[in-house]
Amino acid sequence: MALPAYAREITATTRISYHHVADLQVPIGCAGVTVYPGDVIVGDADGLTVVPAHLAEELAEICEKQDDIEGYLAKRIAAGEALWGVYPPGPQAYADYEAWVAGVSRSVKRPR
């Protein structure tokens, strides 16, 4: 399947004689974290995060903005700017980012 899989150890056997579904759609505990049905699991190279379902939409917007500014800052650093003063972003870095976004959006021709 074309789905990412995350594991820190050898996975358990899938032999039906050893494993049976005991329950579905109930809270579970995993690595000391309670996971409720409907929670969103986000995984990347840094690990996994459980996002409560009622916060998922709000956090998605916040995380998308954070990802955008970090991508912008990474471009500046890759272009040779020193890390100091660029990251972590201060008021000037945020102002530079906003100006960059405004410049990019003006230079992109929108399809009609």
PDB file of N, CA and C in Angstrom:
ATOM      1  N   MET A   1       0.841  -1.179   0.000  1.00  0.00           N
ATOM      2  CA  MET A   1       0.000   0.000   0.000  1.00  0.00           C
ATOM      3  C   MET A   1       0.887   1.244   0.000  1.00  0.00           C
ATOM      4  N   ALA A   2       0.423   2.283  -0.606  1.00  0.00           N
ATOM      5  CA  ALA A   2       1.191   3.521  -0.685  1.00  0.00           C
ATOM      6  C   ALA A   2       0.906   4.415   0.524  1.00  0.00           C
ATOM      7  N   LEU A   3       0.992   3.845   1.711  1.00  0.00           N
ATOM      8  CA  LEU A   3       0.784   4.595   2.942  1.00  0.00           C
ATOM      9  C   LEU A   3       2.062   4.524   3.772  1.00  0.00           C
ATOM     10  N   PRO A   4       2.447   5.640   4.400  1.00  0.00           N
ATOM     11  CA  PRO A   4       3.637   5.579   5.244  1.00  0.00           C
ATOM     12  C   PRO A   4       3.357   4.755   6.496  1.00  0.00           C
ATOM     13  N   ALA A   5       4.372   4.096   6.990  1.00  0.00           N
ATOM     14  CA  ALA A   5       4.243   3.313   8.211  1.00  0.00           C
ATOM     15  C   ALA A   5       5.347   3.734   9.171  1.00  0.00           C
ATOM     16  N   TYR A   6       5.020   3.829  10.427  1.00  0.00           N
ATOM     17  CA  TYR A   6       5.973   4.261  11.446  1.00  0.00           C
ATOM     18  C   TYR A   6       6.083   3.170  12.501  1.00  0.00           C
ATOM     19  N   ALA A   7       7.302   2.783  12.820  1.00  0.00           N
ATOM     20  CA  ALA A   7       7.514   1.768  13.845  1.00  0.00           C
ATOM     21  C   ALA A   7       8.899   1.950  14.441  1.00  0.00           C
ATOM     22  N   ARG A   8       9.001   1.786  15.742  1.00  0.00           N
ATOM     23  CA  ARG A   8      10.302   1.858  16.404  1.00  0.00           C
ATOM     24  C   ARG A   8      10.851   0.465  16.693  1.00  0.00           C
ATOM     25  N   GLU A   9      10.000  -0.515  16.640  1.00  0.00           N
ATOM     26  CA  GLU A   9      10.389  -1.884  16.956  1.00  0.00           C
ATOM     27  C   GLU A   9       9.823  -2.818  15.894  1.00  0.00           C
ATOM     28  N   ILE A  10      10.121  -4.095  16.044  1.00  0.00           N
ATOM     29  CA  ILE A  10       9.562  -5.112  15.157  1.00  0.00           C
ATOM     30  C   ILE A  10       8.052  -5.141  15.362  1.00  0.00           C
ATOM     31  N   THR A  11       7.304  -5.211  14.286  1.00  0.00           N
ATOM     32  CA  THR A  11       5.850  -5.226  14.417  1.00  0.00           C
ATOM     33  C   THR A  11       5.364  -6.596  14.874  1.00  0.00           C
ATOM     34  N   ALA A  12       4.200  -6.583  15.477  1.00  0.00           N
ATOM     35  CA  ALA A  12       3.617  -7.820  15.996  1.00  0.00           C
ATOM     36  C   ALA A  12       3.152  -8.713  14.852  1.00  0.00           C
ATOM     37  N   THR A  13       3.040  -9.965  15.148  1.00  0.00           N
ATOM     38  CA  THR A  13       2.550 -10.919  14.156  1.00  0.00           C
ATOM     39  C   THR A  13       1.113 -10.602  13.768  1.00  0.00           C
ATOM     40  N   THR A  14       0.739 -10.931  12.562  1.00  0.00           N
ATOM     41  CA  THR A  14      -0.640 -10.717  12.103  1.00  0.00           C
ATOM     42  C   THR A  14      -1.432 -12.022  12.085  1.00  0.00           C
ATOM     43  N   ARG A  15      -0.910 -13.024  12.725  1.00  0.00           N
ATOM     44  CA  ARG A  15      -1.605 -14.319  12.738  1.00  0.00           C
ATOM     45  C   ARG A  15      -2.901 -14.197  13.529  1.00  0.00           C
ATOM     46  N   ILE A  16      -3.999 -14.529  12.900  1.00  0.00           N
ATOM     47  CA  ILE A  16      -5.318 -14.392  13.521  1.00  0.00           C
ATOM     48  C   ILE A  16      -5.424 -15.201  14.804  1.00  0.00           C
ATOM     49  N   SER A  17      -4.749 -16.336  14.881  1.00  0.00           N
ATOM     50  CA  SER A  17      -4.851 -17.163  16.084  1.00  0.00           C
ATOM     51  C   SER A  17      -4.222 -16.479  17.298  1.00  0.00           C
ATOM     52  N   TYR A  18      -3.375 -15.456  17.078  1.00  0.00           N
ATOM     53  CA  TYR A  18      -2.723 -14.751  18.185  1.00  0.00           C
ATOM     54  C   TYR A  18      -3.413 -13.431  18.534  1.00  0.00           C
ATOM     55  N   HIS A  19      -4.042 -12.787  17.565  1.00  0.00           N
ATOM     56  CA  HIS A  19      -4.603 -11.453  17.773  1.00  0.00           C
ATOM     57  C   HIS A  19      -6.077 -11.418  17.390  1.00  0.00           C
ATOM     58  N   HIS A  20      -6.872 -10.860  18.272  1.00  0.00           N
ATOM     59  CA  HIS A  20      -8.299 -10.718  18.030  1.00  0.00           C
ATOM     60  C   HIS A  20      -8.706  -9.293  18.370  1.00  0.00           C
ATOM     61  N   VAL A  21      -9.624  -8.736  17.590  1.00  0.00           N
ATOM     62  CA  VAL A  21     -10.150  -7.417  17.894  1.00  0.00           C
ATOM     63  C   VAL A  21     -10.998  -7.535  19.151  1.00  0.00           C
ATOM     64  N   ALA A  22     -10.654  -6.749  20.160  1.00  0.00           N
ATOM     65  CA  ALA A  22     -11.400  -6.777  21.415  1.00  0.00           C
ATOM     66  C   ALA A  22     -12.464  -5.696  21.442  1.00  0.00           C
ATOM     67  N   ASP A  23     -12.184  -4.560  20.773  1.00  0.00           N
ATOM     68  CA  ASP A  23     -13.123  -3.448  20.785  1.00  0.00           C
ATOM     69  C   ASP A  23     -12.807  -2.493  19.646  1.00  0.00           C
ATOM     70  N   LEU A  24     -13.766  -1.716  19.249  1.00  0.00           N
ATOM     71  CA  LEU A  24     -13.584  -0.712  18.200  1.00  0.00           C
ATOM     72  C   LEU A  24     -14.170   0.610  18.669  1.00  0.00           C
ATOM     73  N   GLN A  25     -13.609   1.712  18.178  1.00  0.00           N
ATOM     74  CA  GLN A  25     -14.111   3.051  18.456  1.00  0.00           C
ATOM     75  C   GLN A  25     -14.200   3.360  19.954  1.00  0.00           C
ATOM     76  N   VAL A  26     -13.121   3.035  20.655  1.00  0.00           N
ATOM     77  CA  VAL A  26     -13.005   3.373  22.078  1.00  0.00           C
ATOM     78  C   VAL A  26     -11.653   4.049  22.290  1.00  0.00           C
ATOM     79  N   PRO A  27     -11.524   4.881  23.333  1.00  0.00           N
ATOM     80  CA  PRO A  27     -10.226   5.495  23.617  1.00  0.00           C
ATOM     81  C   PRO A  27      -9.180   4.423  23.926  1.00  0.00           C
ATOM     82  N   ILE A  28      -7.946   4.707  23.520  1.00  0.00           N
ATOM     83  CA  ILE A  28      -6.837   3.812  23.842  1.00  0.00           C
ATOM     84  C   ILE A  28      -5.707   4.642  24.429  1.00  0.00           C
ATOM     85  N   GLY A  29      -4.780   3.975  25.067  1.00  0.00           N
ATOM     86  CA  GLY A  29      -3.563   4.616  25.526  1.00  0.00           C
ATOM     87  C   GLY A  29      -2.412   4.127  24.667  1.00  0.00           C
ATOM     88  N   CYS A  30      -1.618   5.059  24.160  1.00  0.00           N
ATOM     89  CA  CYS A  30      -0.473   4.696  23.325  1.00  0.00           C
ATOM     90  C   CYS A  30       0.702   5.580  23.718  1.00  0.00           C
ATOM     91  N   ALA A  31       1.763   4.975  24.229  1.00  0.00           N
ATOM     92  CA  ALA A  31       2.963   5.699  24.654  1.00  0.00           C
ATOM     93  C   ALA A  31       2.626   6.790  25.658  1.00  0.00           C
ATOM     94  N   GLY A  32       1.683   6.511  26.540  1.00  0.00           N
ATOM     95  CA  GLY A  32       1.330   7.472  27.579  1.00  0.00           C
ATOM     96  C   GLY A  32       0.377   8.570  27.126  1.00  0.00           C
ATOM     97  N   VAL A  33      -0.153   8.453  25.904  1.00  0.00           N
ATOM     98  CA  VAL A  33      -1.073   9.458  25.363  1.00  0.00           C
ATOM     99  C   VAL A  33      -2.421   8.795  25.125  1.00  0.00           C
ATOM    100  N   THR A  34      -3.488   9.478  25.518  1.00  0.00           N
ATOM    101  CA  THR A  34      -4.821   8.970  25.248  1.00  0.00           C
ATOM    102  C   THR A  34      -5.221   9.373  23.839  1.00  0.00           C
ATOM    103  N   VAL A  35      -5.675   8.405  23.071  1.00  0.00           N
ATOM    104  CA  VAL A  35      -6.110   8.639  21.690  1.00  0.00           C
ATOM    105  C   VAL A  35      -7.583   8.264  21.617  1.00  0.00           C
ATOM    106  N   TYR A  36      -8.398   9.250  21.207  1.00  0.00           N
ATOM    107  CA  TYR A  36      -9.837   9.052  21.119  1.00  0.00           C
ATOM    108  C   TYR A  36     -10.246   8.800  19.671  1.00  0.00           C
ATOM    109  N   PRO A  37     -11.345   8.070  19.465  1.00  0.00           N
ATOM    110  CA  PRO A  37     -11.841   7.891  18.099  1.00  0.00           C
ATOM    111  C   PRO A  37     -12.061   9.262  17.454  1.00  0.00           C
ATOM    112  N   GLY A  38     -11.593   9.404  16.220  1.00  0.00           N
ATOM    113  CA  GLY A  38     -11.740  10.658  15.496  1.00  0.00           C
ATOM    114  C   GLY A  38     -10.535  11.575  15.603  1.00  0.00           C
ATOM    115  N   ASP A  39      -9.629  11.311  16.537  1.00  0.00           N
ATOM    116  CA  ASP A  39      -8.416  12.117  16.633  1.00  0.00           C
ATOM    117  C   ASP A  39      -7.608  11.973  15.345  1.00  0.00           C
ATOM    118  N   VAL A  40      -6.834  12.990  15.045  1.00  0.00           N
ATOM    119  CA  VAL A  40      -6.021  12.983  13.832  1.00  0.00           C
ATOM    120  C   VAL A  40      -4.586  12.648  14.217  1.00  0.00           C
ATOM    121  N   ILE A  41      -3.994  11.700  13.529  1.00  0.00           N
ATOM    122  CA  ILE A  41      -2.612  11.310  13.760  1.00  0.00           C
ATOM    123  C   ILE A  41      -1.781  11.887  12.615  1.00  0.00           C
ATOM    124  N   VAL A  42      -0.771  12.690  12.965  1.00  0.00           N
ATOM    125  CA  VAL A  42       0.101  13.307  11.969  1.00  0.00           C
ATOM    126  C   VAL A  42       1.497  12.751  12.179  1.00  0.00           C
ATOM    127  N   GLY A  43       2.124  12.269  11.109  1.00  0.00           N
ATOM    128  CA  GLY A  43       3.461  11.700  11.219  1.00  0.00           C
ATOM    129  C   GLY A  43       4.409  12.302  10.209  1.00  0.00           C
ATOM    130  N   ASP A  44       5.645  12.510  10.652  1.00  0.00           N
ATOM    131  CA  ASP A  44       6.700  12.944   9.745  1.00  0.00           C
ATOM    132  C   ASP A  44       8.016  12.375  10.253  1.00  0.00           C
ATOM    133  N   ALA A  45       9.111  12.861   9.725  1.00  0.00           N
ATOM    134  CA  ALA A  45      10.421  12.323  10.102  1.00  0.00           C
ATOM    135  C   ALA A  45      10.748  12.557  11.574  1.00  0.00           C
ATOM    136  N   ASP A  46      10.068  13.511  12.204  1.00  0.00           N
ATOM    137  CA  ASP A  46      10.322  13.795  13.614  1.00  0.00           C
ATOM    138  C   ASP A  46       9.513  12.921  14.559  1.00  0.00           C
ATOM    139  N   GLY A  47       8.498  12.253  14.051  1.00  0.00           N
ATOM    140  CA  GLY A  47       7.688  11.386  14.904  1.00  0.00           C
ATOM    141  C   GLY A  47       6.205  11.558  14.620  1.00  0.00           C
ATOM    142  N   LEU A  48       5.388  11.195  15.604  1.00  0.00           N
ATOM    143  CA  LEU A  48       3.940  11.237  15.469  1.00  0.00           C
ATOM    144  C   LEU A  48       3.351  12.217  16.467  1.00  0.00           C
ATOM    145  N   THR A  49       2.241  12.836  16.073  1.00  0.00           N
ATOM    146  CA  THR A  49       1.511  13.743  16.946  1.00  0.00           C
ATOM    147  C   THR A  49       0.044  13.371  16.888  1.00  0.00           C
ATOM    148  N   VAL A  50      -0.599  13.367  18.043  1.00  0.00           N
ATOM    149  CA  VAL A  50      -2.032  13.133  18.111  1.00  0.00           C
ATOM    150  C   VAL A  50      -2.708  14.492  18.273  1.00  0.00           C
ATOM    151  N   VAL A  51      -3.608  14.807  17.362  1.00  0.00           N
ATOM    152  CA  VAL A  51      -4.335  16.072  17.408  1.00  0.00           C
ATOM    153  C   VAL A  51      -5.790  15.755  17.750  1.00  0.00           C
ATOM    154  N   PRO A  52      -6.290  16.301  18.873  1.00  0.00           N
ATOM    155  CA  PRO A  52      -7.702  16.062  19.202  1.00  0.00           C
ATOM    156  C   PRO A  52      -8.609  16.528  18.064  1.00  0.00           C
ATOM    157  N   ALA A  53      -9.640  15.751  17.766  1.00  0.00           N
ATOM    158  CA  ALA A  53     -10.521  16.024  16.626  1.00  0.00           C
ATOM    159  C   ALA A  53     -11.092  17.431  16.669  1.00  0.00           C
ATOM    160  N   HIS A  54     -11.462  17.922  17.852  1.00  0.00           N
ATOM    161  CA  HIS A  54     -12.105  19.236  17.932  1.00  0.00           C
ATOM    162  C   HIS A  54     -11.129  20.385  17.685  1.00  0.00           C
ATOM    163  N   LEU A  55      -9.827  20.119  17.665  1.00  0.00           N
ATOM    164  CA  LEU A  55      -8.822  21.154  17.403  1.00  0.00           C
ATOM    165  C   LEU A  55      -8.169  21.017  16.027  1.00  0.00           C
ATOM    166  N   ALA A  56      -8.478  19.959  15.306  1.00  0.00           N
ATOM    167  CA  ALA A  56      -7.762  19.648  14.069  1.00  0.00           C
ATOM    168  C   ALA A  56      -7.841  20.773  13.040  1.00  0.00           C
ATOM    169  N   GLU A  57      -9.011  21.319  12.786  1.00  0.00           N
ATOM    170  CA  GLU A  57      -9.138  22.356  11.760  1.00  0.00           C
ATOM    171  C   GLU A  57      -8.373  23.617  12.163  1.00  0.00           C
ATOM    172  N   GLU A  58      -8.525  24.043  13.401  1.00  0.00           N
ATOM    173  CA  GLU A  58      -7.824  25.238  13.879  1.00  0.00           C
ATOM    174  C   GLU A  58      -6.311  25.047  13.822  1.00  0.00           C
ATOM    175  N   LEU A  59      -5.833  23.890  14.271  1.00  0.00           N
ATOM    176  CA  LEU A  59      -4.397  23.631  14.260  1.00  0.00           C
ATOM    177  C   LEU A  59      -3.858  23.471  12.845  1.00  0.00           C
ATOM    178  N   ALA A  60      -4.654  22.945  11.934  1.00  0.00           N
ATOM    179  CA  ALA A  60      -4.202  22.800  10.539  1.00  0.00           C
ATOM    180  C   ALA A  60      -3.890  24.172   9.950  1.00  0.00           C
ATOM    181  N   GLU A  61      -4.736  25.157  10.220  1.00  0.00           N
ATOM    182  CA  GLU A  61      -4.500  26.505   9.717  1.00  0.00           C
ATOM    183  C   GLU A  61      -3.239  27.109  10.332  1.00  0.00           C
ATOM    184  N   ILE A  62      -3.076  26.958  11.631  1.00  0.00           N
ATOM    185  CA  ILE A  62      -1.902  27.497  12.327  1.00  0.00           C
ATOM    186  C   ILE A  62      -0.636  26.816  11.815  1.00  0.00           C
ATOM    187  N   CYS A  63      -0.687  25.498  11.680  1.00  0.00           N
ATOM    188  CA  CYS A  63       0.495  24.753  11.243  1.00  0.00           C
ATOM    189  C   CYS A  63       0.854  25.064   9.794  1.00  0.00           C
ATOM    190  N   GLU A  64      -0.140  25.293   8.956  1.00  0.00           N
ATOM    191  CA  GLU A  64       0.135  25.641   7.565  1.00  0.00           C
ATOM    192  C   GLU A  64       0.867  26.985   7.494  1.00  0.00           C
ATOM    193  N   LYS A  65       0.421  27.955   8.287  1.00  0.00           N
ATOM    194  CA  LYS A  65       1.108  29.251   8.323  1.00  0.00           C
ATOM    195  C   LYS A  65       2.534  29.093   8.827  1.00  0.00           C
ATOM    196  N   GLN A  66       2.719  28.285   9.872  1.00  0.00           N
ATOM    197  CA  GLN A  66       4.055  28.059  10.430  1.00  0.00           C
ATOM    198  C   GLN A  66       4.949  27.380   9.402  1.00  0.00           C
ATOM    199  N   ASP A  67       4.403  26.407   8.682  1.00  0.00           N
ATOM    200  CA  ASP A  67       5.172  25.713   7.662  1.00  0.00           C
ATOM    201  C   ASP A  67       5.580  26.674   6.544  1.00  0.00           C
ATOM    202  N   ASP A  68       4.672  27.562   6.166  1.00  0.00           N
ATOM    203  CA  ASP A  68       4.973  28.540   5.109  1.00  0.00           C
ATOM    204  C   ASP A  68       6.123  29.458   5.520  1.00  0.00           C
ATOM    205  N   ILE A  69       6.065  30.007   6.731  1.00  0.00           N
ATOM    206  CA  ILE A  69       7.126  30.937   7.141  1.00  0.00           C
ATOM    207  C   ILE A  69       8.447  30.198   7.322  1.00  0.00           C
ATOM    208  N   GLU A  70       8.407  28.968   7.804  1.00  0.00           N
ATOM    209  CA  GLU A  70       9.656  28.222   7.955  1.00  0.00           C
ATOM    210  C   GLU A  70      10.261  27.889   6.598  1.00  0.00           C
ATOM    211  N   GLY A  71       9.430  27.623   5.598  1.00  0.00           N
ATOM    212  CA  GLY A  71       9.939  27.409   4.239  1.00  0.00           C
ATOM    213  C   GLY A  71      10.605  28.668   3.699  1.00  0.00           C
ATOM    214  N   TYR A  72       9.984  29.821   3.951  1.00  0.00           N
ATOM    215  CA  TYR A  72      10.563  31.100   3.538  1.00  0.00           C
ATOM    216  C   TYR A  72      11.908  31.331   4.217  1.00  0.00           C
ATOM    217  N   LEU A  73      11.960  31.086   5.523  1.00  0.00           N
ATOM    218  CA  LEU A  73      13.213  31.287   6.262  1.00  0.00           C
ATOM    219  C   LEU A  73      14.296  30.318   5.782  1.00  0.00           C
ATOM    220  N   ALA A  74      13.914  29.096   5.463  1.00  0.00           N
ATOM    221  CA  ALA A  74      14.879  28.115   4.953  1.00  0.00           C
ATOM    222  C   ALA A  74      15.465  28.585   3.623  1.00  0.00           C
ATOM    223  N   LYS A  75      14.630  29.208   2.772  1.00  0.00           N
ATOM    224  CA  LYS A  75      15.134  29.745   1.496  1.00  0.00           C
ATOM    225  C   LYS A  75      16.157  30.848   1.743  1.00  0.00           C
ATOM    226  N   ARG A  76      15.896  31.703   2.717  1.00  0.00           N
ATOM    227  CA  ARG A  76      16.839  32.786   3.029  1.00  0.00           C
ATOM    228  C   ARG A  76      18.167  32.220   3.516  1.00  0.00           C
ATOM    229  N   ILE A  77      18.102  31.229   4.375  1.00  0.00           N
ATOM    230  CA  ILE A  77      19.327  30.630   4.913  1.00  0.00           C
ATOM    231  C   ILE A  77      20.066  29.875   3.811  1.00  0.00           C
ATOM    232  N   ALA A  78      19.336  29.154   2.965  1.00  0.00           N
ATOM    233  CA  ALA A  78      19.957  28.439   1.853  1.00  0.00           C
ATOM    234  C   ALA A  78      20.619  29.406   0.870  1.00  0.00           C
ATOM    235  N   ALA A  79      20.117  30.633   0.809  1.00  0.00           N
ATOM    236  CA  ALA A  79      20.692  31.637  -0.083  1.00  0.00           C
ATOM    237  C   ALA A  79      21.941  32.291   0.504  1.00  0.00           C
ATOM    238  N   GLY A  80      22.300  31.897   1.732  1.00  0.00           N
ATOM    239  CA  GLY A  80      23.545  32.383   2.304  1.00  0.00           C
ATOM    240  C   GLY A  80      23.414  33.309   3.496  1.00  0.00           C
ATOM    241  N   GLU A  81      22.191  33.648   3.888  1.00  0.00           N
ATOM    242  CA  GLU A  81      22.040  34.501   5.066  1.00  0.00           C
ATOM    243  C   GLU A  81      22.409  33.709   6.321  1.00  0.00           C
ATOM    244  N   ALA A  82      22.903  34.430   7.308  1.00  0.00           N
ATOM    245  CA  ALA A  82      23.260  33.795   8.578  1.00  0.00           C
ATOM    246  C   ALA A  82      21.997  33.388   9.325  1.00  0.00           C
ATOM    247  N   LEU A  83      22.088  32.289  10.035  1.00  0.00           N
ATOM    248  CA  LEU A  83      20.961  31.817  10.837  1.00  0.00           C
ATOM    249  C   LEU A  83      20.580  32.856  11.885  1.00  0.00           C
ATOM    250  N   TRP A  84      21.574  33.450  12.507  1.00  0.00           N
ATOM    251  CA  TRP A  84      21.314  34.453  13.543  1.00  0.00           C
ATOM    252  C   TRP A  84      20.578  35.640  12.944  1.00  0.00           C
ATOM    253  N   GLY A  85      19.477  36.007  13.529  1.00  0.00           N
ATOM    254  CA  GLY A  85      18.684  37.112  13.023  1.00  0.00           C
ATOM    255  C   GLY A  85      17.568  36.686  12.096  1.00  0.00           C
ATOM    256  N   VAL A  86      17.694  35.486  11.549  1.00  0.00           N
ATOM    257  CA  VAL A  86      16.633  34.964  10.682  1.00  0.00           C
ATOM    258  C   VAL A  86      15.786  33.953  11.454  1.00  0.00           C
ATOM    259  N   TYR A  87      16.446  33.087  12.195  1.00  0.00           N
ATOM    260  CA  TYR A  87      15.730  32.056  12.946  1.00  0.00           C
ATOM    261  C   TYR A  87      16.264  31.969  14.359  1.00  0.00           C
ATOM    262  N   PRO A  88      15.425  31.942  15.374  1.00  0.00           N
ATOM    263  CA  PRO A  88      13.971  31.987  15.279  1.00  0.00           C
ATOM    264  C   PRO A  88      13.510  33.350  14.795  1.00  0.00           C
ATOM    265  N   PRO A  89      12.390  33.384  14.083  1.00  0.00           N
ATOM    266  CA  PRO A  89      11.958  34.645  13.485  1.00  0.00           C
ATOM    267  C   PRO A  89      11.527  35.654  14.543  1.00  0.00           C
ATOM    268  N   GLY A  90      12.015  36.860  14.370  1.00  0.00           N
ATOM    269  CA  GLY A  90      11.607  37.966  15.214  1.00  0.00           C
ATOM    270  C   GLY A  90      10.660  38.856  14.444  1.00  0.00           C
ATOM    271  N   PRO A  91      10.327  40.011  15.000  1.00  0.00           N
ATOM    272  CA  PRO A  91       9.399  40.919  14.319  1.00  0.00           C
ATOM    273  C   PRO A  91       9.862  41.296  12.908  1.00  0.00           C
ATOM    274  N   GLN A  92      11.158  41.518  12.714  1.00  0.00           N
ATOM    275  CA  GLN A  92      11.644  41.903  11.384  1.00  0.00           C
ATOM    276  C   GLN A  92      11.516  40.757  10.388  1.00  0.00           C
ATOM    277  N   ALA A  93      11.808  39.538  10.829  1.00  0.00           N
ATOM    278  CA  ALA A  93      11.679  38.383   9.931  1.00  0.00           C
ATOM    279  C   ALA A  93      10.223  38.195   9.514  1.00  0.00           C
ATOM    280  N   TYR A  94       9.289  38.402  10.456  1.00  0.00           N
ATOM    281  CA  TYR A  94       7.866  38.287  10.108  1.00  0.00           C
ATOM    282  C   TYR A  94       7.465  39.388   9.124  1.00  0.00           C
ATOM    283  N   ALA A  95       7.963  40.605   9.336  1.00  0.00           N
ATOM    284  CA  ALA A  95       7.666  41.707   8.420  1.00  0.00           C
ATOM    285  C   ALA A  95       8.236  41.418   7.034  1.00  0.00           C
ATOM    286  N   ASP A  96       9.468  40.887   6.987  1.00  0.00           N
ATOM    287  CA  ASP A  96      10.082  40.521   5.705  1.00  0.00           C
ATOM    288  C   ASP A  96       9.264  39.435   5.006  1.00  0.00           C
ATOM    289  N   TYR A  97       8.789  38.481   5.781  1.00  0.00           N
ATOM    290  CA  TYR A  97       7.975  37.399   5.224  1.00  0.00           C
ATOM    291  C   TYR A  97       6.684  37.958   4.626  1.00  0.00           C
ATOM    292  N   GLU A  98       6.008  38.825   5.357  1.00  0.00           N
ATOM    293  CA  GLU A  98       4.756  39.411   4.859  1.00  0.00           C
ATOM    294  C   GLU A  98       5.004  40.185   3.560  1.00  0.00           C
ATOM    295  N   ALA A  99       6.113  40.930   3.503  1.00  0.00           N
ATOM    296  CA  ALA A  99       6.449  41.678   2.290  1.00  0.00           C
ATOM    297  C   ALA A  99       6.744  40.719   1.138  1.00  0.00           C
ATOM    298  N   TRP A 100       7.437  39.620   1.441  1.00  0.00           N
ATOM    299  CA  TRP A 100       7.762  38.612   0.419  1.00  0.00           C
ATOM    300  C   TRP A 100       6.475  37.981  -0.123  1.00  0.00           C
ATOM    301  N   VAL A 101       5.548  37.624   0.790  1.00  0.00           N
ATOM    302  CA  VAL A 101       4.278  37.025   0.369  1.00  0.00           C
ATOM    303  C   VAL A 101       3.513  38.002  -0.522  1.00  0.00           C
ATOM    304  N   ALA A 102       3.481  39.271  -0.140  1.00  0.00           N
ATOM    305  CA  ALA A 102       2.779  40.274  -0.940  1.00  0.00           C
ATOM    306  C   ALA A 102       3.426  40.406  -2.317  1.00  0.00           C
ATOM    307  N   GLY A 103       4.752  40.384  -2.371  1.00  0.00           N
ATOM    308  CA  GLY A 103       5.460  40.478  -3.646  1.00  0.00           C
ATOM    309  C   GLY A 103       5.228  39.281  -4.531  1.00  0.00           C
ATOM    310  N   VAL A 104       5.223  38.103  -3.939  1.00  0.00           N
ATOM    311  CA  VAL A 104       5.005  36.866  -4.701  1.00  0.00           C
ATOM    312  C   VAL A 104       3.584  36.838  -5.234  1.00  0.00           C
ATOM    313  N   SER A 105       2.619  37.208  -4.415  1.00  0.00           N
ATOM    314  CA  SER A 105       1.222  37.145  -4.862  1.00  0.00           C
ATOM    315  C   SER A 105       0.949  38.150  -5.973  1.00  0.00           C
ATOM    316  N   ARG A 106       1.669  39.287  -5.984  1.00  0.00           N
ATOM    317  CA  ARG A 106       1.490  40.263  -7.064  1.00  0.00           C
ATOM    318  C   ARG A 106       2.154  39.772  -8.352  1.00  0.00           C
ATOM    319  N   SER A 107       3.237  39.010  -8.215  1.00  0.00           N
ATOM    320  CA  SER A 107       3.965  38.584  -9.413  1.00  0.00           C
ATOM    321  C   SER A 107       3.369  37.345 -10.061  1.00  0.00           C
ATOM    322  N   VAL A 108       2.479  36.651  -9.364  1.00  0.00           N
ATOM    323  CA  VAL A 108       1.860  35.446  -9.908  1.00  0.00           C
ATOM    324  C   VAL A 108       0.617  35.853 -10.670  1.00  0.00           C
ATOM    325  N   LYS A 109       0.560  35.474 -11.931  1.00  0.00           N
ATOM    326  CA  LYS A 109      -0.613  35.783 -12.754  1.00  0.00           C
ATOM    327  C   LYS A 109      -1.686  34.758 -12.450  1.00  0.00           C
ATOM    328  N   ARG A 110      -2.832  35.241 -12.109  1.00  0.00           N
ATOM    329  CA  ARG A 110      -3.948  34.360 -11.765  1.00  0.00           C
ATOM    330  C   ARG A 110      -4.688  33.960 -13.042  1.00  0.00           C
ATOM    331  N   PRO A 111      -5.017  32.669 -13.163  1.00  0.00           N
ATOM    332  CA  PRO A 111      -5.809  32.237 -14.326  1.00  0.00           C
ATOM    333  C   PRO A 111      -7.202  32.828 -14.269  1.00  0.00           C
ATOM    334  N   ARG A 112      -7.762  33.123 -15.433  1.00  0.00           N
ATOM    335  CA  ARG A 112      -9.119  33.699 -15.468  1.00  0.00           C
ATOM    336  C   ARG A 112     -10.128  32.678 -15.849  1.00  0.00           C
TER     337      ARG A 112
END
